[in-house]
Amino acid sequence: MRLAHISIKVDDLEAAGEFYENVLGFRDVRSGVNRDHYSRHMTDGNIDLALIKYQEGATSLDSQVGGDGPCIHHVGFEVDDLEKWKAQIEDLGLEIISEPGVIPIKFVAPGGHIAEVAPAHHFDLEPR
């Protein structure tokens, strides 16, 4: 397992993106609409950083994470055996907040924060 992804919910996607790109040196990897939000994935060469902005009126469980304002939305881990991890999450009685069949699998971790697991290479910085 490895920490591979950090997602930040922002209220101004353009300003946040410019800051990470022009001040901190991140570069764009991919962007676009993903279910009920727009994601701009960037990298410093080591980690996938996603800046996300939810559509007005979004009501998914994902959109409610962290409340209405900006926040660190979730962290993502790549795992070798996704089904094993899903079973372990369920065995621990942790709440899965992703819709069935959606990958990565988001869940409420002990302590109340949101984490997700995805198969190896899901957050690769460059196409394989």
C-alpha atoms as a PDB file:
ATOM      1  CA  MET A   1       0.000   0.000   0.000  1.00  0.00           C
ATOM      2  CA  ARG A   2       1.140   3.554  -0.658  1.00  0.00           C
ATOM      3  CA  LEU A   3      -0.297   7.025  -0.156  1.00  0.00           C
ATOM      4  CA  ALA A   4      -0.726   8.182  -3.738  1.00  0.00           C
ATOM      5  CA  HIS A   5      -3.383  10.880  -3.790  1.00  0.00           C
ATOM      6  CA  ILE A   6      -4.643  13.919  -1.881  1.00  0.00           C
ATOM      7  CA  SER A   7      -7.865  15.664  -2.846  1.00  0.00           C
ATOM      8  CA  ILE A   8      -8.628  19.239  -1.816  1.00  0.00           C
ATOM      9  CA  LYS A   9     -12.133  20.700  -2.123  1.00  0.00           C
ATOM     10  CA  VAL A  10     -11.791  24.344  -3.191  1.00  0.00           C
ATOM     11  CA  ASP A  11     -14.187  27.223  -3.692  1.00  0.00           C
ATOM     12  CA  ASP A  12     -12.130  28.840  -6.493  1.00  0.00           C
ATOM     13  CA  LEU A  13     -10.689  26.211  -8.808  1.00  0.00           C
ATOM     14  CA  GLU A  14      -8.914  28.699 -11.063  1.00  0.00           C
ATOM     15  CA  ALA A  15      -7.119  30.534  -8.237  1.00  0.00           C
ATOM     16  CA  ALA A  16      -6.163  27.290  -6.494  1.00  0.00           C
ATOM     17  CA  GLY A  17      -4.847  25.785  -9.726  1.00  0.00           C
ATOM     18  CA  GLU A  18      -2.795  28.865 -10.539  1.00  0.00           C
ATOM     19  CA  PHE A  19      -1.276  28.815  -7.040  1.00  0.00           C
ATOM     20  CA  TYR A  20      -0.234  25.147  -7.212  1.00  0.00           C
ATOM     21  CA  GLU A  21       1.054  25.568 -10.757  1.00  0.00           C
ATOM     22  CA  ASN A  22       2.754  28.978 -10.679  1.00  0.00           C
ATOM     23  CA  VAL A  23       3.877  29.197  -7.051  1.00  0.00           C
ATOM     24  CA  LEU A  24       4.493  25.581  -6.016  1.00  0.00           C
ATOM     25  CA  GLY A  25       5.508  24.173  -9.404  1.00  0.00           C
ATOM     26  CA  PHE A  26       2.847  21.487  -9.851  1.00  0.00           C
ATOM     27  CA  ARG A  27       1.904  20.538 -13.416  1.00  0.00           C
ATOM     28  CA  ASP A  28      -1.396  19.385 -14.879  1.00  0.00           C
ATOM     29  CA  VAL A  29      -1.941  15.690 -15.495  1.00  0.00           C
ATOM     30  CA  ARG A  30      -5.652  15.542 -16.378  1.00  0.00           C
ATOM     31  CA  SER A  31      -8.891  17.348 -15.672  1.00  0.00           C
ATOM     32  CA  GLY A  32     -12.581  17.062 -16.334  1.00  0.00           C
ATOM     33  CA  VAL A  33     -16.016  16.361 -14.922  1.00  0.00           C
ATOM     34  CA  ASN A  34     -16.267  13.312 -12.671  1.00  0.00           C
ATOM     35  CA  ARG A  35     -19.830  12.505 -11.579  1.00  0.00           C
ATOM     36  CA  ASP A  36     -20.916  15.703  -9.717  1.00  0.00           C
ATOM     37  CA  HIS A  37     -17.669  17.668  -9.612  1.00  0.00           C
ATOM     38  CA  TYR A  38     -14.877  19.049 -11.707  1.00  0.00           C
ATOM     39  CA  SER A  39     -11.399  17.677 -10.928  1.00  0.00           C
ATOM     40  CA  ARG A  40      -8.052  19.153 -11.853  1.00  0.00           C
ATOM     41  CA  HIS A  41      -5.328  16.559 -11.197  1.00  0.00           C
ATOM     42  CA  MET A  42      -1.825  17.922 -10.799  1.00  0.00           C
ATOM     43  CA  THR A  43       1.515  16.489  -9.717  1.00  0.00           C
ATOM     44  CA  ASP A  44       4.838  17.520  -8.282  1.00  0.00           C
ATOM     45  CA  GLY A  45       6.297  14.303  -9.700  1.00  0.00           C
ATOM     46  CA  ASN A  46       5.548  12.254  -6.591  1.00  0.00           C
ATOM     47  CA  ILE A  47       1.867  12.510  -5.710  1.00  0.00           C
ATOM     48  CA  ASP A  48      -1.464  13.043  -7.456  1.00  0.00           C
ATOM     49  CA  LEU A  49      -3.063  16.233  -6.115  1.00  0.00           C
ATOM     50  CA  ALA A  50      -6.686  16.716  -7.124  1.00  0.00           C
ATOM     51  CA  LEU A  51      -8.344  20.102  -6.789  1.00  0.00           C
ATOM     52  CA  ILE A  52     -12.091  19.549  -6.828  1.00  0.00           C
ATOM     53  CA  LYS A  53     -15.085  21.835  -7.085  1.00  0.00           C
ATOM     54  CA  TYR A  54     -18.573  20.402  -6.724  1.00  0.00           C
ATOM     55  CA  GLN A  55     -21.399  21.477  -9.010  1.00  0.00           C
ATOM     56  CA  GLU A  56     -23.977  23.806  -7.515  1.00  0.00           C
ATOM     57  CA  GLY A  57     -26.642  21.760  -5.751  1.00  0.00           C
ATOM     58  CA  ALA A  58     -24.596  18.532  -5.605  1.00  0.00           C
ATOM     59  CA  THR A  59     -26.148  16.130  -3.090  1.00  0.00           C
ATOM     60  CA  SER A  60     -23.924  13.030  -3.227  1.00  0.00           C
ATOM     61  CA  LEU A  61     -22.331  11.777  -0.018  1.00  0.00           C
ATOM     62  CA  ASP A  62     -18.954  12.728  -1.525  1.00  0.00           C
ATOM     63  CA  SER A  63     -20.069  16.334  -1.948  1.00  0.00           C
ATOM     64  CA  GLN A  64     -20.993  16.574   1.740  1.00  0.00           C
ATOM     65  CA  VAL A  65     -17.540  15.503   3.010  1.00  0.00           C
ATOM     66  CA  GLY A  66     -15.942  18.255   5.057  1.00  0.00           C
ATOM     67  CA  GLY A  67     -19.007  20.490   4.997  1.00  0.00           C
ATOM     68  CA  ASP A  68     -19.757  23.369   2.646  1.00  0.00           C
ATOM     69  CA  GLY A  69     -16.375  25.086   2.512  1.00  0.00           C
ATOM     70  CA  PRO A  70     -12.891  24.237   1.298  1.00  0.00           C
ATOM     71  CA  CYS A  71     -11.068  21.379   3.032  1.00  0.00           C
ATOM     72  CA  ILE A  72      -8.766  18.464   2.550  1.00  0.00           C
ATOM     73  CA  HIS A  73     -11.456  16.229   1.111  1.00  0.00           C
ATOM     74  CA  HIS A  74      -9.797  12.801   1.285  1.00  0.00           C
ATOM     75  CA  VAL A  75      -6.584  10.831   0.919  1.00  0.00           C
ATOM     76  CA  GLY A  76      -6.165   7.912  -1.460  1.00  0.00           C
ATOM     77  CA  PHE A  77      -4.148   4.729  -1.117  1.00  0.00           C
ATOM     78  CA  GLU A  78      -3.191   2.270  -3.828  1.00  0.00           C
ATOM     79  CA  VAL A  79      -3.446  -1.374  -2.795  1.00  0.00           C
ATOM     80  CA  ASP A  80      -2.450  -4.658  -4.420  1.00  0.00           C
ATOM     81  CA  ASP A  81      -5.727  -6.472  -3.736  1.00  0.00           C
ATOM     82  CA  LEU A  82      -8.751  -4.155  -3.872  1.00  0.00           C
ATOM     83  CA  GLU A  83     -11.309  -6.856  -3.042  1.00  0.00           C
ATOM     84  CA  LYS A  84      -9.324  -7.905   0.042  1.00  0.00           C
ATOM     85  CA  TRP A  85      -9.233  -4.284   1.253  1.00  0.00           C
ATOM     86  CA  LYS A  86     -12.938  -3.793   0.552  1.00  0.00           C
ATOM     87  CA  ALA A  87     -13.734  -6.895   2.611  1.00  0.00           C
ATOM     88  CA  GLN A  88     -11.500  -5.670   5.436  1.00  0.00           C
ATOM     89  CA  ILE A  89     -13.220  -2.255   5.438  1.00  0.00           C
ATOM     90  CA  GLU A  90     -16.607  -3.976   5.601  1.00  0.00           C
ATOM     91  CA  ASP A  91     -15.426  -6.404   8.327  1.00  0.00           C
ATOM     92  CA  LEU A  92     -14.367  -3.413  10.431  1.00  0.00           C
ATOM     93  CA  GLY A  93     -17.871  -1.979  10.061  1.00  0.00           C
ATOM     94  CA  LEU A  94     -16.604   1.186   8.353  1.00  0.00           C
ATOM     95  CA  GLU A  95     -19.116   3.109   6.255  1.00  0.00           C
ATOM     96  CA  ILE A  96     -18.471   2.955   2.505  1.00  0.00           C
ATOM     97  CA  ILE A  97     -19.693   6.192   0.931  1.00  0.00           C
ATOM     98  CA  SER A  98     -18.932   5.409  -2.722  1.00  0.00           C
ATOM     99  CA  GLU A  99     -21.764   4.250  -4.912  1.00  0.00           C
ATOM    100  CA  PRO A 100     -21.611   0.474  -5.534  1.00  0.00           C
ATOM    101  CA  GLY A 101     -19.087  -0.391  -8.234  1.00  0.00           C
ATOM    102  CA  VAL A 102     -17.332   3.006  -8.138  1.00  0.00           C
ATOM    103  CA  ILE A 103     -13.547   2.854  -7.949  1.00  0.00           C
ATOM    104  CA  PRO A 104     -11.790   4.171  -5.857  1.00  0.00           C
ATOM    105  CA  ILE A 105     -13.773   2.960  -2.869  1.00  0.00           C
ATOM    106  CA  LYS A 106     -14.310   5.869  -0.449  1.00  0.00           C
ATOM    107  CA  PHE A 107     -15.009   5.151   3.210  1.00  0.00           C
ATOM    108  CA  VAL A 108     -15.195   6.866   6.580  1.00  0.00           C
ATOM    109  CA  ALA A 109     -12.008   5.900   8.406  1.00  0.00           C
ATOM    110  CA  PRO A 110     -11.716   5.655  12.188  1.00  0.00           C
ATOM    111  CA  GLY A 111     -11.540   9.212  13.499  1.00  0.00           C
ATOM    112  CA  GLY A 112     -14.116  10.453  10.988  1.00  0.00           C
ATOM    113  CA  HIS A 113     -11.924  11.426   8.022  1.00  0.00           C
ATOM    114  CA  ILE A 114     -12.473  10.142   4.491  1.00  0.00           C
ATOM    115  CA  ALA A 115     -10.033   7.773   2.814  1.00  0.00           C
ATOM    116  CA  GLU A 116     -10.182   5.714  -0.340  1.00  0.00           C
ATOM    117  CA  VAL A 117      -8.516   2.633  -1.754  1.00  0.00           C
ATOM    118  CA  ALA A 118      -7.815   1.997  -5.412  1.00  0.00           C
ATOM    119  CA  PRO A 119      -5.957  -0.665  -7.367  1.00  0.00           C
ATOM    120  CA  ALA A 120      -2.216  -0.312  -7.931  1.00  0.00           C
ATOM    121  CA  HIS A 121      -1.346   2.330 -10.560  1.00  0.00           C
ATOM    122  CA  HIS A 122      -4.773   3.990 -10.349  1.00  0.00           C
ATOM    123  CA  PHE A 123      -3.162   7.342  -9.511  1.00  0.00           C
ATOM    124  CA  ASP A 124      -0.159   6.993 -11.829  1.00  0.00           C
ATOM    125  CA  LEU A 125       1.171  10.383 -12.779  1.00  0.00           C
ATOM    126  CA  GLU A 126       1.739   9.499 -16.406  1.00  0.00           C
ATOM    127  CA  PRO A 127      -0.103   7.088 -18.743  1.00  0.00           C
ATOM    128  CA  ARG A 128       1.264   3.544 -18.608  1.00  0.00           C
END
